[in-house]
Amino acid sequence: MAINTIATVVIVFTNKFIFSTPSLRLLQLSFATFHFLTTYLTLFLLSRPCCLQLFAPRSISLRDTLPLSIAMSLNVILPNLSLAFSSVTFYQIARILLTPTVAVMNYLLYRSTLPARAVWALVPACVGVGMVSYYDTLPASGSASTADQKQVVETTQPLGILFSLLGIFASSLYTIWIAHYHRKLGNISTMQLLYNQAPVAAFLLLYVIPFVDVFPSNSSGKIDEAVVPAEKWVLILLSGLWASLINISQFFIVARTGPVSSTVVGHVKTCMIVALGWMMGGRVVTDRAVLGVLVAVGGIVAYSVVMLKEQEKTKEREAAPVQNS
């Protein structure tokens, strides 16, 4: 669990540093392909008897894999574009909108409803994200005093907000489809599903990369250290390592922890990324966006508490007939 938390936090800042180089911002499809191939290689090794053999590979038809692979690609590319054009704080806080978006999609597609208290808890979460979106696109308080401070304080561009909203829609659709395919395909694990998705997603992106990605080069058409510093290539490799650690540790979290532990870990990740992003972005505690952060985090924590209580009530109702008999 500690490895998953650290890797999740570190990969956000690693990717942010990578995308801080303008010439790398337009390599999103290549970057995603590298992650997918790294994920597939990791899963391949984890399925081998010579390694941990955490799961047995299961073949899935291309007809079932293709929609998931497309959604998986958008689920990675659009949030990365958002991270490239926004602050880390906004990027992470905006991800809170995944929960209400998934709830709305589930209702529209499957007529699945939430308890009234959970719905009300999501209202401040959405309001908080809106507040951060507004204030984070403005210069930080006092940033206009000196030119140096303007350069230090990190803000969000309107393009970052657009990519964030598109990414939230794509991630929500991907989340719903994952649950749908788990039901449709029967007893299939997340790793088995990802083992089929990753290579297909990488293969699809390889066809699009030449038409979309803009590769950094100097006047002679070569990539050198003046265009992309050597440390950025190291960070790209580390990003793949963090992604592999997240995939491996996520398996153990799902298998060995309960919903409470998983929820708490999720909130810890959010708070750590927001706090570190706030400090590294050059903002101060008196910045007006901090109110939006507190409202958004408070709303999603309240939602989690309500849903965990509802889950406990459901378990009690299901266990009652067994005990009576």
C-alpha atoms as a PDB file:
ATOM      1  CA  MET A   1       0.000   0.000   0.000  1.00  0.00           C
ATOM      2  CA  ALA A   2       2.874   2.373   0.827  1.00  0.00           C
ATOM      3  CA  ILE A   3       4.548   1.565  -2.505  1.00  0.00           C
ATOM      4  CA  ASN A   4       1.326   2.293  -4.391  1.00  0.00           C
ATOM      5  CA  THR A   5       0.848   5.621  -2.591  1.00  0.00           C
ATOM      6  CA  ILE A   6       4.432   6.769  -3.153  1.00  0.00           C
ATOM      7  CA  ALA A   7       4.484   5.660  -6.802  1.00  0.00           C
ATOM      8  CA  THR A   8       1.150   7.388  -7.517  1.00  0.00           C
ATOM      9  CA  VAL A   9       2.336  10.657  -6.001  1.00  0.00           C
ATOM     10  CA  VAL A  10       5.775  10.529  -7.613  1.00  0.00           C
ATOM     11  CA  ILE A  11       4.492   9.708 -11.119  1.00  0.00           C
ATOM     12  CA  VAL A  12       2.331  12.860 -11.182  1.00  0.00           C
ATOM     13  CA  PHE A  13       5.302  15.109 -10.453  1.00  0.00           C
ATOM     14  CA  THR A  14       7.605  13.104 -12.731  1.00  0.00           C
ATOM     15  CA  ASN A  15       5.187  13.547 -15.630  1.00  0.00           C
ATOM     16  CA  LYS A  16       4.761  17.234 -14.768  1.00  0.00           C
ATOM     17  CA  PHE A  17       8.522  17.774 -14.963  1.00  0.00           C
ATOM     18  CA  ILE A  18       8.618  15.895 -18.270  1.00  0.00           C
ATOM     19  CA  PHE A  19       5.852  18.030 -19.776  1.00  0.00           C
ATOM     20  CA  SER A  20       7.467  21.223 -18.497  1.00  0.00           C
ATOM     21  CA  THR A  21       9.709  20.887 -21.556  1.00  0.00           C
ATOM     22  CA  PRO A  22       7.631  22.441 -24.385  1.00  0.00           C
ATOM     23  CA  SER A  23       9.102  20.088 -26.983  1.00  0.00           C
ATOM     24  CA  LEU A  24       7.789  17.058 -25.051  1.00  0.00           C
ATOM     25  CA  ARG A  25       4.224  18.315 -24.625  1.00  0.00           C
ATOM     26  CA  LEU A  26       3.424  17.318 -28.200  1.00  0.00           C
ATOM     27  CA  LEU A  27       4.597  13.713 -27.743  1.00  0.00           C
ATOM     28  CA  GLN A  28       1.553  12.549 -25.803  1.00  0.00           C
ATOM     29  CA  LEU A  29       0.756   9.523 -27.971  1.00  0.00           C
ATOM     30  CA  SER A  30       4.366   8.307 -27.943  1.00  0.00           C
ATOM     31  CA  PHE A  31       4.482   8.765 -24.177  1.00  0.00           C
ATOM     32  CA  ALA A  32       1.245   6.799 -23.723  1.00  0.00           C
ATOM     33  CA  THR A  33       2.498   4.042 -26.036  1.00  0.00           C
ATOM     34  CA  PHE A  34       5.667   3.729 -23.961  1.00  0.00           C
ATOM     35  CA  HIS A  35       3.559   3.362 -20.800  1.00  0.00           C
ATOM     36  CA  PHE A  36       1.291   0.756 -22.399  1.00  0.00           C
ATOM     37  CA  LEU A  37       4.239  -1.331 -23.602  1.00  0.00           C
ATOM     38  CA  THR A  38       5.894  -1.045 -20.174  1.00  0.00           C
ATOM     39  CA  THR A  39       2.639  -2.137 -18.535  1.00  0.00           C
ATOM     40  CA  TYR A  40       2.288  -5.101 -20.903  1.00  0.00           C
ATOM     41  CA  LEU A  41       5.884  -6.197 -20.305  1.00  0.00           C
ATOM     42  CA  THR A  42       5.356  -5.953 -16.534  1.00  0.00           C
ATOM     43  CA  LEU A  43       2.156  -7.997 -16.686  1.00  0.00           C
ATOM     44  CA  PHE A  44       3.805 -10.537 -18.995  1.00  0.00           C
ATOM     45  CA  LEU A  45       6.590 -11.103 -16.446  1.00  0.00           C
ATOM     46  CA  LEU A  46       4.126 -11.249 -13.545  1.00  0.00           C
ATOM     47  CA  SER A  47       2.177 -14.004 -15.319  1.00  0.00           C
ATOM     48  CA  ARG A  48       5.242 -16.223 -15.881  1.00  0.00           C
ATOM     49  CA  PRO A  49       5.972 -19.196 -13.597  1.00  0.00           C
ATOM     50  CA  CYS A  50       9.598 -18.056 -13.355  1.00  0.00           C
ATOM     51  CA  CYS A  51       8.435 -14.821 -11.718  1.00  0.00           C
ATOM     52  CA  LEU A  52       5.633 -14.192  -9.217  1.00  0.00           C
ATOM     53  CA  GLN A  53       2.884 -15.720 -11.431  1.00  0.00           C
ATOM     54  CA  LEU A  54       0.283 -13.446  -9.882  1.00  0.00           C
ATOM     55  CA  PHE A  55      -2.311 -14.330 -12.506  1.00  0.00           C
ATOM     56  CA  ALA A  56      -2.932 -16.642 -15.440  1.00  0.00           C
ATOM     57  CA  PRO A  57      -3.297 -14.904 -18.839  1.00  0.00           C
ATOM     58  CA  ARG A  58      -6.740 -15.157 -20.404  1.00  0.00           C
ATOM     59  CA  SER A  59      -7.464 -14.405 -24.035  1.00  0.00           C
ATOM     60  CA  ILE A  60     -10.238 -11.941 -24.896  1.00  0.00           C
ATOM     61  CA  SER A  61     -11.648 -11.363 -28.359  1.00  0.00           C
ATOM     62  CA  LEU A  62     -10.543  -8.249 -30.243  1.00  0.00           C
ATOM     63  CA  ARG A  63     -14.186  -7.223 -30.521  1.00  0.00           C
ATOM     64  CA  ASP A  64     -14.352  -6.898 -26.735  1.00  0.00           C
ATOM     65  CA  THR A  65     -10.843  -5.508 -26.304  1.00  0.00           C
ATOM     66  CA  LEU A  66     -10.945  -2.766 -28.956  1.00  0.00           C
ATOM     67  CA  PRO A  67     -13.465  -0.371 -27.294  1.00  0.00           C
ATOM     68  CA  LEU A  68     -11.679  -0.718 -23.948  1.00  0.00           C
ATOM     69  CA  SER A  69      -8.307  -0.090 -25.562  1.00  0.00           C
ATOM     70  CA  ILE A  70      -9.543   3.118 -27.220  1.00  0.00           C
ATOM     71  CA  ALA A  71     -11.049   4.315 -23.941  1.00  0.00           C
ATOM     72  CA  MET A  72      -7.844   3.334 -22.131  1.00  0.00           C
ATOM     73  CA  SER A  73      -5.793   5.455 -24.560  1.00  0.00           C
ATOM     74  CA  LEU A  74      -8.003   8.504 -24.051  1.00  0.00           C
ATOM     75  CA  ASN A  75      -7.955   7.848 -20.305  1.00  0.00           C
ATOM     76  CA  VAL A  76      -4.172   8.350 -20.341  1.00  0.00           C
ATOM     77  CA  ILE A  77      -3.613  10.926 -23.105  1.00  0.00           C
ATOM     78  CA  LEU A  78      -6.230  13.530 -22.118  1.00  0.00           C
ATOM     79  CA  PRO A  79      -5.298  13.706 -18.390  1.00  0.00           C
ATOM     80  CA  ASN A  80      -1.616  13.963 -19.386  1.00  0.00           C
ATOM     81  CA  LEU A  81      -2.470  16.877 -21.674  1.00  0.00           C
ATOM     82  CA  SER A  82      -4.337  18.463 -18.770  1.00  0.00           C
ATOM     83  CA  LEU A  83      -1.284  18.031 -16.549  1.00  0.00           C
ATOM     84  CA  ALA A  84       0.917  19.608 -19.232  1.00  0.00           C
ATOM     85  CA  PHE A  85      -1.193  22.787 -19.349  1.00  0.00           C
ATOM     86  CA  SER A  86      -2.312  23.152 -15.720  1.00  0.00           C
ATOM     87  CA  SER A  87      -0.989  23.190 -12.186  1.00  0.00           C
ATOM     88  CA  VAL A  88      -0.601  19.938 -10.269  1.00  0.00           C
ATOM     89  CA  THR A  89      -3.117  21.167  -7.690  1.00  0.00           C
ATOM     90  CA  PHE A  90      -5.838  21.806 -10.274  1.00  0.00           C
ATOM     91  CA  TYR A  91      -5.039  18.562 -12.092  1.00  0.00           C
ATOM     92  CA  GLN A  92      -5.558  16.492  -8.950  1.00  0.00           C
ATOM     93  CA  ILE A  93      -8.554  18.393  -7.585  1.00  0.00           C
ATOM     94  CA  ALA A  94     -10.312  18.183 -10.952  1.00  0.00           C
ATOM     95  CA  ARG A  95     -10.023  14.390 -10.814  1.00  0.00           C
ATOM     96  CA  ILE A  96     -12.558  14.532  -7.967  1.00  0.00           C
ATOM     97  CA  LEU A  97     -15.170  15.166 -10.672  1.00  0.00           C
ATOM     98  CA  LEU A  98     -14.707  11.546 -11.754  1.00  0.00           C
ATOM     99  CA  THR A  99     -17.034  10.418  -8.968  1.00  0.00           C
ATOM    100  CA  PRO A 100     -20.083  12.561  -9.858  1.00  0.00           C
ATOM    101  CA  THR A 101     -19.487  12.008 -13.591  1.00  0.00           C
ATOM    102  CA  VAL A 102     -19.457   8.227 -13.143  1.00  0.00           C
ATOM    103  CA  ALA A 103     -22.604   8.531 -11.017  1.00  0.00           C
ATOM    104  CA  VAL A 104     -24.410  10.495 -13.749  1.00  0.00           C
ATOM    105  CA  MET A 105     -23.271   8.090 -16.477  1.00  0.00           C
ATOM    106  CA  ASN A 106     -24.339   5.070 -14.451  1.00  0.00           C
ATOM    107  CA  TYR A 107     -27.771   6.607 -14.020  1.00  0.00           C
ATOM    108  CA  LEU A 108     -28.145   7.483 -17.714  1.00  0.00           C
ATOM    109  CA  LEU A 109     -26.881   4.114 -18.970  1.00  0.00           C
ATOM    110  CA  TYR A 110     -28.062   1.671 -16.292  1.00  0.00           C
ATOM    111  CA  ARG A 111     -30.517   3.703 -14.164  1.00  0.00           C
ATOM    112  CA  SER A 112     -28.239   3.089 -11.182  1.00  0.00           C
ATOM    113  CA  THR A 113     -28.935   5.558  -8.379  1.00  0.00           C
ATOM    114  CA  LEU A 114     -27.058   6.845  -5.330  1.00  0.00           C
ATOM    115  CA  PRO A 115     -28.391   7.493  -1.807  1.00  0.00           C
ATOM    116  CA  ALA A 116     -29.704  11.040  -1.401  1.00  0.00           C
ATOM    117  CA  ARG A 117     -27.046  11.901   1.196  1.00  0.00           C
ATOM    118  CA  ALA A 118     -24.306  10.818  -1.206  1.00  0.00           C
ATOM    119  CA  VAL A 119     -25.731  13.039  -3.945  1.00  0.00           C
ATOM    120  CA  TRP A 120     -25.804  16.034  -1.610  1.00  0.00           C
ATOM    121  CA  ALA A 121     -22.213  15.323  -0.548  1.00  0.00           C
ATOM    122  CA  LEU A 122     -21.112  15.553  -4.189  1.00  0.00           C
ATOM    123  CA  VAL A 123     -22.498  19.090  -4.524  1.00  0.00           C
ATOM    124  CA  PRO A 124     -19.733  20.788  -2.482  1.00  0.00           C
ATOM    125  CA  ALA A 125     -17.177  18.579  -4.237  1.00  0.00           C
ATOM    126  CA  CYS A 126     -18.269  19.983  -7.612  1.00  0.00           C
ATOM    127  CA  VAL A 127     -18.490  23.527  -6.259  1.00  0.00           C
ATOM    128  CA  GLY A 128     -14.980  23.235  -4.824  1.00  0.00           C
ATOM    129  CA  VAL A 129     -13.555  22.098  -8.164  1.00  0.00           C
ATOM    130  CA  GLY A 130     -15.274  25.055  -9.831  1.00  0.00           C
ATOM    131  CA  MET A 131     -13.691  27.442  -7.331  1.00  0.00           C
ATOM    132  CA  VAL A 132     -10.232  25.987  -7.935  1.00  0.00           C
ATOM    133  CA  SER A 133     -10.791  26.166 -11.696  1.00  0.00           C
ATOM    134  CA  TYR A 134     -11.603  29.870 -11.457  1.00  0.00           C
ATOM    135  CA  TYR A 135      -8.931  30.999  -9.017  1.00  0.00           C
ATOM    136  CA  ASP A 136      -6.185  28.795 -10.444  1.00  0.00           C
ATOM    137  CA  THR A 137      -6.454  30.488 -13.843  1.00  0.00           C
ATOM    138  CA  LEU A 138      -5.784  33.852 -12.172  1.00  0.00           C
ATOM    139  CA  PRO A 139      -2.366  35.100 -11.007  1.00  0.00           C
ATOM    140  CA  ALA A 140      -1.741  34.138  -7.388  1.00  0.00           C
ATOM    141  CA  SER A 141      -2.347  36.850  -4.828  1.00  0.00           C
ATOM    142  CA  GLY A 142       0.606  39.145  -4.758  1.00  0.00           C
ATOM    143  CA  SER A 143       2.175  37.576  -7.841  1.00  0.00           C
ATOM    144  CA  ALA A 144       2.018  40.835  -9.746  1.00  0.00           C
ATOM    145  CA  SER A 145       4.394  42.542  -7.317  1.00  0.00           C
ATOM    146  CA  THR A 146       7.576  41.271  -8.896  1.00  0.00           C
ATOM    147  CA  ALA A 147       8.507  39.721 -12.189  1.00  0.00           C
ATOM    148  CA  ASP A 148      10.347  36.912 -10.433  1.00  0.00           C
ATOM    149  CA  GLN A 149       7.304  35.858  -8.470  1.00  0.00           C
ATOM    150  CA  LYS A 150       5.272  35.739 -11.667  1.00  0.00           C
ATOM    151  CA  GLN A 151       7.635  33.143 -13.002  1.00  0.00           C
ATOM    152  CA  VAL A 152       7.582  31.084  -9.827  1.00  0.00           C
ATOM    153  CA  VAL A 153       3.821  30.854  -9.294  1.00  0.00           C
ATOM    154  CA  GLU A 154       2.246  28.086 -11.367  1.00  0.00           C
ATOM    155  CA  THR A 155      -1.236  28.661 -12.787  1.00  0.00           C
ATOM    156  CA  THR A 156      -3.635  26.763 -15.029  1.00  0.00           C
ATOM    157  CA  GLN A 157      -4.236  27.629 -18.665  1.00  0.00           C
ATOM    158  CA  PRO A 158      -7.773  27.468 -20.144  1.00  0.00           C
ATOM    159  CA  LEU A 159      -6.507  24.686 -22.401  1.00  0.00           C
ATOM    160  CA  GLY A 160      -5.634  22.697 -19.278  1.00  0.00           C
ATOM    161  CA  ILE A 161      -9.221  23.015 -18.037  1.00  0.00           C
ATOM    162  CA  LEU A 162     -10.579  21.872 -21.409  1.00  0.00           C
ATOM    163  CA  PHE A 163      -8.318  18.808 -21.511  1.00  0.00           C
ATOM    164  CA  SER A 164      -9.181  18.081 -17.883  1.00  0.00           C
ATOM    165  CA  LEU A 165     -12.932  18.026 -18.573  1.00  0.00           C
ATOM    166  CA  LEU A 166     -12.449  15.851 -21.655  1.00  0.00           C
ATOM    167  CA  GLY A 167     -10.165  13.565 -19.639  1.00  0.00           C
ATOM    168  CA  ILE A 168     -12.717  13.233 -16.857  1.00  0.00           C
ATOM    169  CA  PHE A 169     -15.373  12.217 -19.382  1.00  0.00           C
ATOM    170  CA  ALA A 170     -13.012   9.653 -20.956  1.00  0.00           C
ATOM    171  CA  SER A 171     -11.891   8.292 -17.581  1.00  0.00           C
ATOM    172  CA  SER A 172     -15.488   7.993 -16.383  1.00  0.00           C
ATOM    173  CA  LEU A 173     -16.491   6.112 -19.532  1.00  0.00           C
ATOM    174  CA  TYR A 174     -13.460   3.835 -19.130  1.00  0.00           C
ATOM    175  CA  THR A 175     -14.371   3.161 -15.476  1.00  0.00           C
ATOM    176  CA  ILE A 176     -17.947   2.224 -16.393  1.00  0.00           C
ATOM    177  CA  TRP A 177     -16.836   0.016 -19.261  1.00  0.00           C
ATOM    178  CA  ILE A 178     -14.351  -1.807 -17.028  1.00  0.00           C
ATOM    179  CA  ALA A 179     -17.170  -2.661 -14.615  1.00  0.00           C
ATOM    180  CA  HIS A 180     -19.406  -3.645 -17.538  1.00  0.00           C
ATOM    181  CA  TYR A 181     -16.803  -5.975 -19.043  1.00  0.00           C
ATOM    182  CA  HIS A 182     -16.121  -7.562 -15.674  1.00  0.00           C
ATOM    183  CA  ARG A 183     -19.794  -8.519 -15.550  1.00  0.00           C
ATOM    184  CA  LYS A 184     -19.956  -9.458 -19.225  1.00  0.00           C
ATOM    185  CA  LEU A 185     -16.844 -11.639 -19.329  1.00  0.00           C
ATOM    186  CA  GLY A 186     -17.469 -13.339 -16.009  1.00  0.00           C
ATOM    187  CA  ASN A 187     -14.670 -14.266 -13.664  1.00  0.00           C
ATOM    188  CA  ILE A 188     -11.885 -12.117 -15.085  1.00  0.00           C
ATOM    189  CA  SER A 189      -9.379 -10.146 -13.037  1.00  0.00           C
ATOM    190  CA  THR A 190      -8.267  -6.571 -13.630  1.00  0.00           C
ATOM    191  CA  MET A 191      -4.779  -7.778 -14.551  1.00  0.00           C
ATOM    192  CA  GLN A 192      -6.147 -10.231 -17.123  1.00  0.00           C
ATOM    193  CA  LEU A 193      -8.203  -7.447 -18.667  1.00  0.00           C
ATOM    194  CA  LEU A 194      -5.271  -5.030 -18.698  1.00  0.00           C
ATOM    195  CA  TYR A 195      -3.008  -7.731 -20.149  1.00  0.00           C
ATOM    196  CA  ASN A 196      -5.247  -7.801 -23.233  1.00  0.00           C
ATOM    197  CA  GLN A 197      -5.868  -4.058 -23.455  1.00  0.00           C
ATOM    198  CA  ALA A 198      -2.321  -2.680 -23.193  1.00  0.00           C
ATOM    199  CA  PRO A 199      -0.790  -4.180 -26.371  1.00  0.00           C
ATOM    200  CA  VAL A 200      -3.882  -3.386 -28.461  1.00  0.00           C
ATOM    201  CA  ALA A 201      -3.866   0.235 -27.239  1.00  0.00           C
ATOM    202  CA  ALA A 202      -0.148   0.569 -28.028  1.00  0.00           C
ATOM    203  CA  PHE A 203      -0.641  -0.967 -31.485  1.00  0.00           C
ATOM    204  CA  LEU A 204      -3.489   1.441 -32.298  1.00  0.00           C
ATOM    205  CA  LEU A 205      -1.482   4.484 -31.219  1.00  0.00           C
ATOM    206  CA  LEU A 206       1.483   3.477 -33.382  1.00  0.00           C
ATOM    207  CA  TYR A 207      -0.686   4.109 -36.444  1.00  0.00           C
ATOM    208  CA  VAL A 208      -1.662   7.587 -35.264  1.00  0.00           C
ATOM    209  CA  ILE A 209       1.673   8.817 -33.855  1.00  0.00           C
ATOM    210  CA  PRO A 210       3.202   9.866 -37.227  1.00  0.00           C
ATOM    211  CA  PHE A 211       0.204  12.116 -37.940  1.00  0.00           C
ATOM    212  CA  VAL A 212      -0.246  13.669 -34.481  1.00  0.00           C
ATOM    213  CA  ASP A 213       2.981  13.759 -32.458  1.00  0.00           C
ATOM    214  CA  VAL A 214       5.590  16.437 -33.160  1.00  0.00           C
ATOM    215  CA  PHE A 215       9.061  15.101 -32.414  1.00  0.00           C
ATOM    216  CA  PRO A 216      11.598  17.581 -30.981  1.00  0.00           C
ATOM    217  CA  SER A 217      14.571  18.244 -33.237  1.00  0.00           C
ATOM    218  CA  ASN A 218      17.182  20.884 -33.969  1.00  0.00           C
ATOM    219  CA  SER A 219      17.817  22.652 -37.280  1.00  0.00           C
ATOM    220  CA  SER A 220      19.507  19.532 -38.702  1.00  0.00           C
ATOM    221  CA  GLY A 221      16.525  17.345 -37.821  1.00  0.00           C
ATOM    222  CA  LYS A 222      18.279  15.478 -35.000  1.00  0.00           C
ATOM    223  CA  ILE A 223      17.250  15.139 -31.373  1.00  0.00           C
ATOM    224  CA  ASP A 224      20.062  16.372 -29.120  1.00  0.00           C
ATOM    225  CA  GLU A 225      20.501  17.489 -25.520  1.00  0.00           C
ATOM    226  CA  ALA A 226      19.891  21.121 -26.470  1.00  0.00           C
ATOM    227  CA  VAL A 227      16.344  20.176 -27.541  1.00  0.00           C
ATOM    228  CA  VAL A 228      15.600  17.566 -24.850  1.00  0.00           C
ATOM    229  CA  PRO A 229      17.947  17.512 -21.825  1.00  0.00           C
ATOM    230  CA  ALA A 230      19.377  14.123 -20.879  1.00  0.00           C
ATOM    231  CA  GLU A 231      17.683  14.187 -17.466  1.00  0.00           C
ATOM    232  CA  LYS A 232      14.270  14.292 -19.160  1.00  0.00           C
ATOM    233  CA  TRP A 233      14.990  10.941 -20.843  1.00  0.00           C
ATOM    234  CA  VAL A 234      15.834   9.551 -17.401  1.00  0.00           C
ATOM    235  CA  LEU A 235      12.539  10.885 -16.065  1.00  0.00           C
ATOM    236  CA  ILE A 236      10.654   9.216 -18.928  1.00  0.00           C
ATOM    237  CA  LEU A 237      12.208   5.861 -17.997  1.00  0.00           C
ATOM    238  CA  LEU A 238      11.387   6.448 -14.331  1.00  0.00           C
ATOM    239  CA  SER A 239       7.800   7.283 -15.274  1.00  0.00           C
ATOM    240  CA  GLY A 240       7.498   3.834 -16.850  1.00  0.00           C
ATOM    241  CA  LEU A 241       8.954   2.299 -13.671  1.00  0.00           C
ATOM    242  CA  TRP A 242       6.437   4.126 -11.456  1.00  0.00           C
ATOM    243  CA  ALA A 243       3.588   2.980 -13.716  1.00  0.00           C
ATOM    244  CA  SER A 244       4.756  -0.633 -13.349  1.00  0.00           C
ATOM    245  CA  LEU A 245       4.955  -0.322  -9.561  1.00  0.00           C
ATOM    246  CA  ILE A 246       1.432   1.110  -9.464  1.00  0.00           C
ATOM    247  CA  ASN A 247       0.058  -1.802 -11.507  1.00  0.00           C
ATOM    248  CA  ILE A 248       1.822  -4.401  -9.347  1.00  0.00           C
ATOM    249  CA  SER A 249       0.908  -2.859  -5.996  1.00  0.00           C
ATOM    250  CA  GLN A 250      -2.696  -2.229  -7.089  1.00  0.00           C
ATOM    251  CA  PHE A 251      -3.149  -5.988  -7.417  1.00  0.00           C
ATOM    252  CA  PHE A 252      -2.198  -6.528  -3.775  1.00  0.00           C
ATOM    253  CA  ILE A 253      -4.385  -3.634  -2.592  1.00  0.00           C
ATOM    254  CA  VAL A 254      -7.460  -5.054  -4.346  1.00  0.00           C
ATOM    255  CA  ALA A 255      -6.713  -8.575  -3.093  1.00  0.00           C
ATOM    256  CA  ARG A 256      -5.746  -7.863   0.512  1.00  0.00           C
ATOM    257  CA  THR A 257      -7.456  -4.663   1.686  1.00  0.00           C
ATOM    258  CA  GLY A 258     -11.059  -3.729   2.312  1.00  0.00           C
ATOM    259  CA  PRO A 259     -13.048  -0.794   0.957  1.00  0.00           C
ATOM    260  CA  VAL A 260     -12.254   1.418   3.967  1.00  0.00           C
ATOM    261  CA  SER A 261      -8.498   1.013   3.563  1.00  0.00           C
ATOM    262  CA  SER A 262      -8.684   1.595  -0.187  1.00  0.00           C
ATOM    263  CA  THR A 263     -10.783   4.732   0.311  1.00  0.00           C
ATOM    264  CA  VAL A 264      -8.444   6.129   2.945  1.00  0.00           C
ATOM    265  CA  VAL A 265      -5.434   5.474   0.705  1.00  0.00           C
ATOM    266  CA  GLY A 266      -7.162   7.290  -2.151  1.00  0.00           C
ATOM    267  CA  HIS A 267      -7.765  10.369  -0.009  1.00  0.00           C
ATOM    268  CA  VAL A 268      -4.193  10.301   1.312  1.00  0.00           C
ATOM    269  CA  LYS A 269      -2.899  10.330  -2.270  1.00  0.00           C
ATOM    270  CA  THR A 270      -5.120  13.286  -3.154  1.00  0.00           C
ATOM    271  CA  CYS A 271      -4.063  15.310  -0.110  1.00  0.00           C
ATOM    272  CA  MET A 272      -0.357  14.556  -0.637  1.00  0.00           C
ATOM    273  CA  ILE A 273      -0.412  15.506  -4.326  1.00  0.00           C
ATOM    274  CA  VAL A 274      -2.420  18.684  -3.669  1.00  0.00           C
ATOM    275  CA  ALA A 275      -0.191  19.749  -0.767  1.00  0.00           C
ATOM    276  CA  LEU A 276       3.062  19.081  -2.633  1.00  0.00           C
ATOM    277  CA  GLY A 277       1.698  20.672  -5.793  1.00  0.00           C
ATOM    278  CA  TRP A 278       0.687  23.734  -3.808  1.00  0.00           C
ATOM    279  CA  MET A 279       4.148  24.158  -2.290  1.00  0.00           C
ATOM    280  CA  MET A 280       6.071  23.401  -5.478  1.00  0.00           C
ATOM    281  CA  GLY A 281       3.765  25.644  -7.506  1.00  0.00           C
ATOM    282  CA  GLY A 282       4.879  28.666  -5.486  1.00  0.00           C
ATOM    283  CA  ARG A 283       1.468  29.415  -3.990  1.00  0.00           C
ATOM    284  CA  VAL A 284       0.826  30.599  -0.452  1.00  0.00           C
ATOM    285  CA  VAL A 285      -1.705  29.476   2.150  1.00  0.00           C
ATOM    286  CA  THR A 286      -3.647  32.733   1.795  1.00  0.00           C
ATOM    287  CA  ASP A 287      -4.303  32.067  -1.902  1.00  0.00           C
ATOM    288  CA  ARG A 288      -8.067  32.103  -2.567  1.00  0.00           C
ATOM    289  CA  ALA A 289      -7.959  28.759  -4.379  1.00  0.00           C
ATOM    290  CA  VAL A 290      -7.229  27.022  -1.059  1.00  0.00           C
ATOM    291  CA  LEU A 291     -10.896  27.456  -0.087  1.00  0.00           C
ATOM    292  CA  GLY A 292     -11.957  25.549  -3.183  1.00  0.00           C
ATOM    293  CA  VAL A 293      -9.481  22.775  -2.376  1.00  0.00           C
ATOM    294  CA  LEU A 294     -10.887  22.395   1.149  1.00  0.00           C
ATOM    295  CA  VAL A 295     -14.494  22.400  -0.074  1.00  0.00           C
ATOM    296  CA  ALA A 296     -13.789  19.841  -2.813  1.00  0.00           C
ATOM    297  CA  VAL A 297     -11.802  17.465  -0.584  1.00  0.00           C
ATOM    298  CA  GLY A 298     -14.364  17.832   2.216  1.00  0.00           C
ATOM    299  CA  GLY A 299     -17.190  16.968  -0.170  1.00  0.00           C
ATOM    300  CA  ILE A 300     -15.541  13.847  -1.567  1.00  0.00           C
ATOM    301  CA  VAL A 301     -14.579  12.650   1.937  1.00  0.00           C
ATOM    302  CA  ALA A 302     -18.208  13.104   3.068  1.00  0.00           C
ATOM    303  CA  TYR A 303     -19.356  11.162  -0.013  1.00  0.00           C
ATOM    304  CA  SER A 304     -16.957   8.318   0.838  1.00  0.00           C
ATOM    305  CA  VAL A 305     -18.206   8.140   4.414  1.00  0.00           C
ATOM    306  CA  VAL A 306     -21.833   7.962   3.242  1.00  0.00           C
ATOM    307  CA  MET A 307     -21.085   5.236   0.679  1.00  0.00           C
ATOM    308  CA  LEU A 308     -19.077   3.142   3.164  1.00  0.00           C
ATOM    309  CA  LYS A 309     -21.978   3.282   5.637  1.00  0.00           C
ATOM    310  CA  GLU A 310     -24.389   2.249   2.882  1.00  0.00           C
ATOM    311  CA  GLN A 311     -22.141  -0.695   2.022  1.00  0.00           C
ATOM    312  CA  GLU A 312     -22.156  -1.795   5.658  1.00  0.00           C
ATOM    313  CA  LYS A 313     -25.957  -1.590   5.776  1.00  0.00           C
ATOM    314  CA  THR A 314     -26.199  -3.663   2.604  1.00  0.00           C
ATOM    315  CA  LYS A 315     -23.915  -6.345   4.056  1.00  0.00           C
ATOM    316  CA  GLU A 316     -25.976  -6.456   7.232  1.00  0.00           C
ATOM    317  CA  ARG A 317     -29.222  -6.863   5.271  1.00  0.00           C
ATOM    318  CA  GLU A 318     -27.710  -9.658   3.182  1.00  0.00           C
ATOM    319  CA  ALA A 319     -26.366 -11.440   6.268  1.00  0.00           C
ATOM    320  CA  ALA A 320     -29.625 -11.158   8.256  1.00  0.00           C
ATOM    321  CA  PRO A 321     -31.554 -13.993   6.451  1.00  0.00           C
ATOM    322  CA  VAL A 322     -28.570 -16.319   6.818  1.00  0.00           C
ATOM    323  CA  GLN A 323     -28.391 -15.710  10.561  1.00  0.00           C
ATOM    324  CA  ASN A 324     -32.172 -16.136  11.005  1.00  0.00           C
ATOM    325  CA  SER A 325     -32.162 -19.450   9.153  1.00  0.00           C
END
